[in-house]
Amino acid sequence: MSNIAQSEYLIDFIMEKGREKRVIKGKLKTVLGPLIIRKIIEKLPIVERGIVLDKNRLVIGIKINAGWEKKTMTVKKGEIAYQALGDELVIFFDDLEQTFSRVNVIGNLLNLDDIDNFLKKIPMSIKVTIKLAD
C-alpha cells in the first residue's frame, strides 16, 4: 500500500451464512475520519462475525483501537460508522435520530437495496470478510 492516502476507498463486505454468500459494496471517505480509515485499511482483510442488533444495524468487531474524530449520534440508512466504545464497524439499516452511543460516520453502502433485500434478513449473526474491492 502506498503512503499517499486516497480520498475514498471502495470496500467489499463478503457475507457468508452456510452456503449462501453475498458481496455488499461500500465506500469509506477519508475526509470523514482519516485516522480511523487509515487503521482500517492497514488491517484489511478483516474476518469477523457480524451481529444484528435491534433489527436496525449490523455490528462487526474490528479491533483497531481508534478514538473518535467527528462523533455524532444521528445516522442515515446505509451509513457505515466506527463506534469507538465497542471498537466496532456498524452498518445502519435505517435513519436514527439517536444511536446507542456516539459513532463516527466514515462512509456508506453503494446500494441501499442491499439493506432490505439481504441485511435485514440476517437472523442474528453472519461471517463477514471486509476487504478492498477488486
N, C-alpha and C. Protein backbone atom coordinates (compact mmCIF):
# COMPACT_ATOMS: atom_id res chain seq x y z
N MET A 1 0.84 -1.18 0.00
CA MET A 1 0.00 0.00 0.00
C MET A 1 0.88 1.24 0.00
N SER A 2 0.50 2.24 -0.75
CA SER A 2 1.21 3.50 -0.87
C SER A 2 1.09 4.31 0.41
N ASN A 3 2.04 5.21 0.65
CA ASN A 3 1.97 6.10 1.80
C ASN A 3 1.04 7.28 1.54
N ILE A 4 0.59 7.46 0.32
CA ILE A 4 -0.30 8.55 -0.04
C ILE A 4 -1.74 8.08 0.18
N ALA A 5 -2.47 8.82 1.01
CA ALA A 5 -3.85 8.44 1.30
C ALA A 5 -4.76 8.80 0.13
N GLN A 6 -5.71 7.94 -0.13
CA GLN A 6 -6.73 8.20 -1.14
C GLN A 6 -7.87 8.96 -0.47
N SER A 7 -8.68 9.64 -1.27
CA SER A 7 -9.83 10.35 -0.70
C SER A 7 -10.99 9.39 -0.42
N GLU A 8 -11.05 8.27 -1.17
CA GLU A 8 -12.09 7.27 -0.97
C GLU A 8 -11.50 5.88 -1.17
N TYR A 9 -12.06 4.92 -0.46
CA TYR A 9 -11.70 3.51 -0.62
C TYR A 9 -12.97 2.72 -0.87
N LEU A 10 -13.01 1.96 -1.95
CA LEU A 10 -14.13 1.05 -2.19
C LEU A 10 -13.82 -0.25 -1.47
N ILE A 11 -14.79 -0.74 -0.71
CA ILE A 11 -14.59 -1.96 0.06
C ILE A 11 -15.72 -2.95 -0.21
N ASP A 12 -15.40 -4.22 -0.01
CA ASP A 12 -16.39 -5.29 -0.12
C ASP A 12 -16.61 -5.88 1.26
N PHE A 13 -17.89 -6.05 1.60
CA PHE A 13 -18.28 -6.82 2.77
C PHE A 13 -18.76 -8.15 2.22
N ILE A 14 -17.97 -9.21 2.39
CA ILE A 14 -18.36 -10.53 1.90
C ILE A 14 -19.06 -11.24 3.05
N MET A 15 -20.34 -11.49 2.89
CA MET A 15 -21.16 -12.09 3.94
C MET A 15 -21.43 -13.55 3.60
N GLU A 16 -21.18 -14.44 4.57
CA GLU A 16 -21.37 -15.87 4.35
C GLU A 16 -22.17 -16.48 5.49
N LYS A 17 -23.23 -17.17 5.11
CA LYS A 17 -24.04 -17.92 6.08
C LYS A 17 -24.34 -19.26 5.44
N GLY A 18 -23.71 -20.31 5.95
CA GLY A 18 -23.86 -21.63 5.33
C GLY A 18 -23.29 -21.59 3.92
N ARG A 19 -24.11 -21.99 2.95
CA ARG A 19 -23.66 -21.98 1.55
C ARG A 19 -23.96 -20.67 0.85
N GLU A 20 -24.71 -19.81 1.51
CA GLU A 20 -25.06 -18.53 0.90
C GLU A 20 -23.92 -17.53 1.08
N LYS A 21 -23.61 -16.81 0.00
CA LYS A 21 -22.53 -15.83 0.02
C LYS A 21 -23.00 -14.59 -0.74
N ARG A 22 -22.78 -13.42 -0.16
CA ARG A 22 -23.23 -12.18 -0.79
C ARG A 22 -22.16 -11.11 -0.60
N VAL A 23 -21.91 -10.32 -1.63
CA VAL A 23 -20.96 -9.22 -1.54
C VAL A 23 -21.75 -7.91 -1.50
N ILE A 24 -21.53 -7.15 -0.43
CA ILE A 24 -22.15 -5.85 -0.27
C ILE A 24 -21.03 -4.82 -0.46
N LYS A 25 -21.26 -3.85 -1.33
CA LYS A 25 -20.22 -2.86 -1.66
C LYS A 25 -20.42 -1.60 -0.83
N GLY A 26 -19.29 -1.04 -0.40
CA GLY A 26 -19.32 0.19 0.37
C GLY A 26 -18.19 1.12 -0.02
N LYS A 27 -18.27 2.34 0.50
CA LYS A 27 -17.25 3.34 0.24
C LYS A 27 -16.88 4.01 1.55
N LEU A 28 -15.57 4.07 1.85
CA LEU A 28 -15.07 4.81 3.00
C LEU A 28 -14.52 6.13 2.49
N LYS A 29 -14.90 7.24 3.14
CA LYS A 29 -14.49 8.57 2.72
C LYS A 29 -13.48 9.12 3.72
N THR A 30 -12.26 9.27 3.29
CA THR A 30 -11.16 9.66 4.16
C THR A 30 -11.42 10.97 4.90
N VAL A 31 -12.07 11.92 4.27
CA VAL A 31 -12.34 13.21 4.89
C VAL A 31 -13.19 13.07 6.17
N LEU A 32 -13.97 11.99 6.28
CA LEU A 32 -14.84 11.80 7.43
C LEU A 32 -14.14 11.24 8.66
N GLY A 33 -13.00 10.62 8.48
CA GLY A 33 -12.27 10.03 9.61
C GLY A 33 -10.93 9.49 9.16
N PRO A 34 -10.00 10.36 8.79
CA PRO A 34 -8.75 9.90 8.19
C PRO A 34 -7.94 8.91 9.03
N LEU A 35 -7.85 9.14 10.32
CA LEU A 35 -7.05 8.23 11.17
C LEU A 35 -7.74 6.88 11.33
N ILE A 36 -9.06 6.91 11.52
CA ILE A 36 -9.82 5.67 11.65
C ILE A 36 -9.71 4.86 10.36
N ILE A 37 -9.93 5.51 9.24
CA ILE A 37 -9.89 4.81 7.95
C ILE A 37 -8.50 4.26 7.67
N ARG A 38 -7.48 5.00 7.99
CA ARG A 38 -6.11 4.50 7.79
C ARG A 38 -5.89 3.22 8.59
N LYS A 39 -6.35 3.19 9.85
CA LYS A 39 -6.20 1.99 10.67
C LYS A 39 -6.99 0.81 10.09
N ILE A 40 -8.18 1.08 9.58
CA ILE A 40 -8.99 0.01 8.98
C ILE A 40 -8.29 -0.54 7.74
N ILE A 41 -7.85 0.34 6.85
CA ILE A 41 -7.21 -0.07 5.59
C ILE A 41 -5.95 -0.88 5.88
N GLU A 42 -5.16 -0.46 6.86
CA GLU A 42 -3.93 -1.18 7.21
C GLU A 42 -4.22 -2.58 7.74
N LYS A 43 -5.40 -2.77 8.34
CA LYS A 43 -5.73 -4.07 8.94
C LYS A 43 -6.41 -5.04 7.96
N LEU A 44 -6.89 -4.54 6.83
CA LEU A 44 -7.60 -5.40 5.87
C LEU A 44 -6.73 -6.52 5.35
N PRO A 45 -7.29 -7.70 5.07
CA PRO A 45 -8.69 -8.06 5.26
C PRO A 45 -9.01 -8.35 6.73
N ILE A 46 -10.24 -8.04 7.10
CA ILE A 46 -10.75 -8.31 8.44
C ILE A 46 -11.81 -9.40 8.31
N VAL A 47 -11.69 -10.46 9.11
CA VAL A 47 -12.68 -11.54 9.11
C VAL A 47 -13.23 -11.66 10.52
N GLU A 48 -14.52 -11.40 10.67
CA GLU A 48 -15.18 -11.43 11.98
C GLU A 48 -16.63 -11.88 11.81
N ARG A 49 -17.32 -12.05 12.93
CA ARG A 49 -18.76 -12.30 12.91
C ARG A 49 -19.46 -10.97 13.05
N GLY A 50 -20.45 -10.75 12.20
CA GLY A 50 -21.30 -9.58 12.32
C GLY A 50 -22.56 -9.97 13.06
N ILE A 51 -23.01 -9.12 13.95
CA ILE A 51 -24.19 -9.39 14.76
C ILE A 51 -25.24 -8.32 14.50
N VAL A 52 -26.47 -8.73 14.22
CA VAL A 52 -27.57 -7.80 14.03
C VAL A 52 -28.12 -7.41 15.40
N LEU A 53 -28.16 -6.11 15.66
CA LEU A 53 -28.70 -5.61 16.93
C LEU A 53 -29.93 -4.75 16.68
N ASP A 54 -30.97 -5.00 17.44
CA ASP A 54 -32.22 -4.23 17.40
C ASP A 54 -32.82 -4.14 16.00
N LYS A 55 -32.51 -5.07 15.14
CA LYS A 55 -33.04 -5.13 13.77
C LYS A 55 -32.77 -3.87 12.96
N ASN A 56 -31.80 -3.02 13.43
CA ASN A 56 -31.54 -1.80 12.69
C ASN A 56 -30.07 -1.54 12.40
N ARG A 57 -29.21 -2.53 12.74
CA ARG A 57 -27.80 -2.33 12.44
C ARG A 57 -27.04 -3.65 12.51
N LEU A 58 -25.98 -3.73 11.70
CA LEU A 58 -25.05 -4.86 11.74
C LEU A 58 -23.77 -4.36 12.37
N VAL A 59 -23.32 -5.03 13.43
CA VAL A 59 -22.15 -4.62 14.19
C VAL A 59 -21.04 -5.64 13.97
N ILE A 60 -19.85 -5.14 13.60
CA ILE A 60 -18.71 -6.01 13.30
C ILE A 60 -17.51 -5.54 14.12
N GLY A 61 -17.03 -6.38 15.03
CA GLY A 61 -15.84 -6.03 15.81
C GLY A 61 -14.63 -5.99 14.89
N ILE A 62 -13.85 -4.89 14.96
CA ILE A 62 -12.70 -4.79 14.03
C ILE A 62 -11.36 -4.62 14.73
N LYS A 63 -11.35 -4.37 16.01
CA LYS A 63 -10.12 -4.36 16.81
C LYS A 63 -9.03 -3.45 16.25
N ILE A 64 -9.35 -2.16 16.08
CA ILE A 64 -8.32 -1.21 15.61
C ILE A 64 -7.95 -0.21 16.70
N ASN A 65 -8.74 -0.15 17.77
CA ASN A 65 -8.46 0.74 18.90
C ASN A 65 -8.23 2.19 18.49
N ALA A 66 -9.17 2.74 17.76
CA ALA A 66 -9.12 4.15 17.36
C ALA A 66 -10.12 4.93 18.22
N GLY A 67 -9.89 6.20 18.35
CA GLY A 67 -10.83 7.05 19.08
C GLY A 67 -11.81 7.69 18.12
N TRP A 68 -12.50 8.71 18.61
CA TRP A 68 -13.44 9.44 17.77
C TRP A 68 -12.70 10.54 17.03
N GLU A 69 -13.23 10.90 15.88
CA GLU A 69 -12.72 12.07 15.17
C GLU A 69 -13.84 13.10 15.00
N LYS A 70 -14.96 12.68 14.45
CA LYS A 70 -16.11 13.57 14.23
C LYS A 70 -17.35 12.85 14.71
N LYS A 71 -17.53 12.77 16.02
CA LYS A 71 -18.60 11.95 16.58
C LYS A 71 -19.98 12.56 16.41
N THR A 72 -20.95 11.68 16.29
CA THR A 72 -22.35 12.07 16.14
C THR A 72 -23.23 10.98 16.74
N MET A 73 -24.48 11.31 16.94
CA MET A 73 -25.45 10.31 17.39
C MET A 73 -26.60 10.20 16.40
N THR A 74 -26.50 10.89 15.26
CA THR A 74 -27.52 10.86 14.22
C THR A 74 -26.94 10.20 12.98
N VAL A 75 -27.62 9.18 12.45
CA VAL A 75 -27.13 8.47 11.27
C VAL A 75 -28.25 8.26 10.27
N LYS A 76 -27.87 7.99 9.04
CA LYS A 76 -28.83 7.73 7.97
C LYS A 76 -28.71 6.29 7.49
N LYS A 77 -29.78 5.80 6.90
CA LYS A 77 -29.81 4.46 6.33
C LYS A 77 -28.64 4.27 5.37
N GLY A 78 -27.92 3.14 5.55
CA GLY A 78 -26.82 2.81 4.66
C GLY A 78 -25.48 3.38 5.06
N GLU A 79 -25.45 4.19 6.13
CA GLU A 79 -24.16 4.74 6.54
C GLU A 79 -23.33 3.68 7.27
N ILE A 80 -22.02 3.79 7.09
CA ILE A 80 -21.04 2.94 7.77
C ILE A 80 -20.36 3.82 8.80
N ALA A 81 -20.30 3.36 10.03
CA ALA A 81 -19.72 4.17 11.10
C ALA A 81 -18.78 3.33 11.95
N TYR A 82 -17.86 4.02 12.62
CA TYR A 82 -16.97 3.38 13.59
C TYR A 82 -17.48 3.77 14.97
N GLN A 83 -17.65 2.78 15.83
CA GLN A 83 -18.07 3.01 17.21
C GLN A 83 -16.89 2.70 18.11
N ALA A 84 -16.27 3.75 18.64
CA ALA A 84 -15.06 3.58 19.45
C ALA A 84 -15.34 2.82 20.74
N LEU A 85 -16.51 3.03 21.34
CA LEU A 85 -16.85 2.38 22.61
C LEU A 85 -16.71 0.86 22.52
N GLY A 86 -17.16 0.25 21.43
CA GLY A 86 -17.06 -1.20 21.27
C GLY A 86 -15.98 -1.62 20.28
N ASP A 87 -15.26 -0.64 19.71
CA ASP A 87 -14.24 -0.91 18.69
C ASP A 87 -14.87 -1.70 17.54
N GLU A 88 -15.98 -1.13 16.99
CA GLU A 88 -16.80 -1.85 16.02
C GLU A 88 -17.10 -0.99 14.80
N LEU A 89 -17.27 -1.67 13.69
CA LEU A 89 -17.80 -1.06 12.48
C LEU A 89 -19.29 -1.36 12.47
N VAL A 90 -20.11 -0.35 12.16
CA VAL A 90 -21.56 -0.51 12.21
C VAL A 90 -22.16 -0.09 10.87
N ILE A 91 -23.03 -0.93 10.32
CA ILE A 91 -23.80 -0.58 9.13
C ILE A 91 -25.24 -0.37 9.58
N PHE A 92 -25.78 0.82 9.33
CA PHE A 92 -27.12 1.15 9.79
C PHE A 92 -28.16 0.84 8.73
N PHE A 93 -29.25 0.17 9.15
CA PHE A 93 -30.32 -0.24 8.25
C PHE A 93 -31.39 0.83 8.09
N ASP A 94 -31.44 1.79 9.00
CA ASP A 94 -32.48 2.83 9.00
C ASP A 94 -31.87 4.15 9.48
N ASP A 95 -32.58 5.26 9.22
CA ASP A 95 -32.20 6.54 9.81
C ASP A 95 -32.45 6.45 11.31
N LEU A 96 -31.53 6.98 12.09
CA LEU A 96 -31.71 7.02 13.55
C LEU A 96 -31.38 8.42 14.04
N GLU A 97 -32.28 8.98 14.82
CA GLU A 97 -32.05 10.31 15.40
C GLU A 97 -31.07 10.24 16.56
N GLN A 98 -31.02 9.06 17.22
CA GLN A 98 -30.09 8.90 18.33
C GLN A 98 -29.59 7.47 18.38
N THR A 99 -28.30 7.28 18.19
CA THR A 99 -27.70 5.96 18.27
C THR A 99 -27.48 5.59 19.74
N PHE A 100 -27.16 4.33 19.99
CA PHE A 100 -26.93 3.85 21.36
C PHE A 100 -25.77 4.61 22.01
N SER A 101 -24.71 4.83 21.24
CA SER A 101 -23.57 5.62 21.71
C SER A 101 -23.03 6.42 20.53
N ARG A 102 -22.12 7.30 20.81
CA ARG A 102 -21.56 8.13 19.73
C ARG A 102 -20.82 7.27 18.72
N VAL A 103 -20.95 7.68 17.45
CA VAL A 103 -20.26 7.00 16.36
C VAL A 103 -19.59 8.03 15.48
N ASN A 104 -18.67 7.56 14.67
CA ASN A 104 -18.01 8.40 13.66
C ASN A 104 -18.40 7.84 12.30
N VAL A 105 -19.29 8.53 11.59
CA VAL A 105 -19.69 8.09 10.25
C VAL A 105 -18.47 8.22 9.35
N ILE A 106 -18.13 7.11 8.65
CA ILE A 106 -16.93 7.11 7.80
C ILE A 106 -17.21 6.72 6.35
N GLY A 107 -18.47 6.41 6.04
CA GLY A 107 -18.77 6.03 4.66
C GLY A 107 -20.20 5.59 4.51
N ASN A 108 -20.46 4.87 3.41
CA ASN A 108 -21.82 4.42 3.13
C ASN A 108 -21.81 3.21 2.20
N LEU A 109 -22.94 2.50 2.21
CA LEU A 109 -23.14 1.41 1.26
C LEU A 109 -23.42 2.02 -0.10
N LEU A 110 -23.03 1.34 -1.17
CA LEU A 110 -23.26 1.86 -2.52
C LEU A 110 -24.66 1.57 -3.02
N ASN A 111 -25.29 0.52 -2.50
CA ASN A 111 -26.63 0.13 -2.96
C ASN A 111 -27.54 -0.08 -1.75
N LEU A 112 -28.45 0.86 -1.51
CA LEU A 112 -29.34 0.75 -0.35
C LEU A 112 -30.30 -0.43 -0.45
N ASP A 113 -30.54 -0.94 -1.65
CA ASP A 113 -31.40 -2.11 -1.80
C ASP A 113 -30.82 -3.32 -1.08
N ASP A 114 -29.50 -3.37 -0.89
CA ASP A 114 -28.87 -4.48 -0.17
C ASP A 114 -29.37 -4.58 1.26
N ILE A 115 -29.79 -3.46 1.83
CA ILE A 115 -30.28 -3.47 3.21
C ILE A 115 -31.58 -4.27 3.29
N ASP A 116 -32.57 -3.89 2.48
CA ASP A 116 -33.87 -4.56 2.55
C ASP A 116 -33.82 -5.96 1.95
N ASN A 117 -33.04 -6.16 0.90
CA ASN A 117 -33.01 -7.45 0.20
C ASN A 117 -32.14 -8.49 0.90
N PHE A 118 -31.20 -8.07 1.75
CA PHE A 118 -30.30 -9.04 2.37
C PHE A 118 -30.03 -8.76 3.86
N LEU A 119 -29.52 -7.59 4.17
CA LEU A 119 -29.06 -7.33 5.54
C LEU A 119 -30.17 -7.46 6.58
N LYS A 120 -31.35 -6.94 6.30
CA LYS A 120 -32.45 -7.03 7.26
C LYS A 120 -32.95 -8.45 7.44
N LYS A 121 -32.56 -9.35 6.56
CA LYS A 121 -33.00 -10.75 6.64
C LYS A 121 -32.01 -11.64 7.40
N ILE A 122 -30.88 -11.09 7.84
CA ILE A 122 -29.92 -11.87 8.63
C ILE A 122 -30.56 -12.11 10.00
N PRO A 123 -30.73 -13.38 10.41
CA PRO A 123 -31.44 -13.64 11.65
C PRO A 123 -30.72 -13.14 12.91
N MET A 124 -29.46 -13.44 13.07
CA MET A 124 -28.73 -12.99 14.26
C MET A 124 -27.29 -12.62 13.94
N SER A 125 -26.57 -13.51 13.30
CA SER A 125 -25.16 -13.25 13.02
C SER A 125 -24.76 -13.85 11.68
N ILE A 126 -23.61 -13.38 11.19
CA ILE A 126 -23.11 -13.83 9.90
C ILE A 126 -21.61 -13.61 9.85
N LYS A 127 -20.91 -14.49 9.12
CA LYS A 127 -19.47 -14.30 8.92
C LYS A 127 -19.27 -13.17 7.92
N VAL A 128 -18.40 -12.22 8.27
CA VAL A 128 -18.14 -11.08 7.40
C VAL A 128 -16.65 -10.95 7.15
N THR A 129 -16.28 -10.84 5.88
CA THR A 129 -14.91 -10.52 5.49
C THR A 129 -14.95 -9.13 4.87
N ILE A 130 -14.12 -8.23 5.39
CA ILE A 130 -14.03 -6.88 4.84
C ILE A 130 -12.71 -6.77 4.13
N LYS A 131 -12.74 -6.34 2.85
CA LYS A 131 -11.51 -6.22 2.08
C LYS A 131 -11.66 -5.08 1.09
N LEU A 132 -10.52 -4.63 0.55
CA LEU A 132 -10.57 -3.64 -0.51
C LEU A 132 -11.23 -4.26 -1.72
N ALA A 133 -12.06 -3.50 -2.42
CA ALA A 133 -12.71 -4.01 -3.63
C ALA A 133 -11.67 -4.23 -4.71
N ASP A 134 -11.92 -5.23 -5.56
CA ASP A 134 -11.01 -5.52 -6.67
C ASP A 134 -11.13 -4.46 -7.75
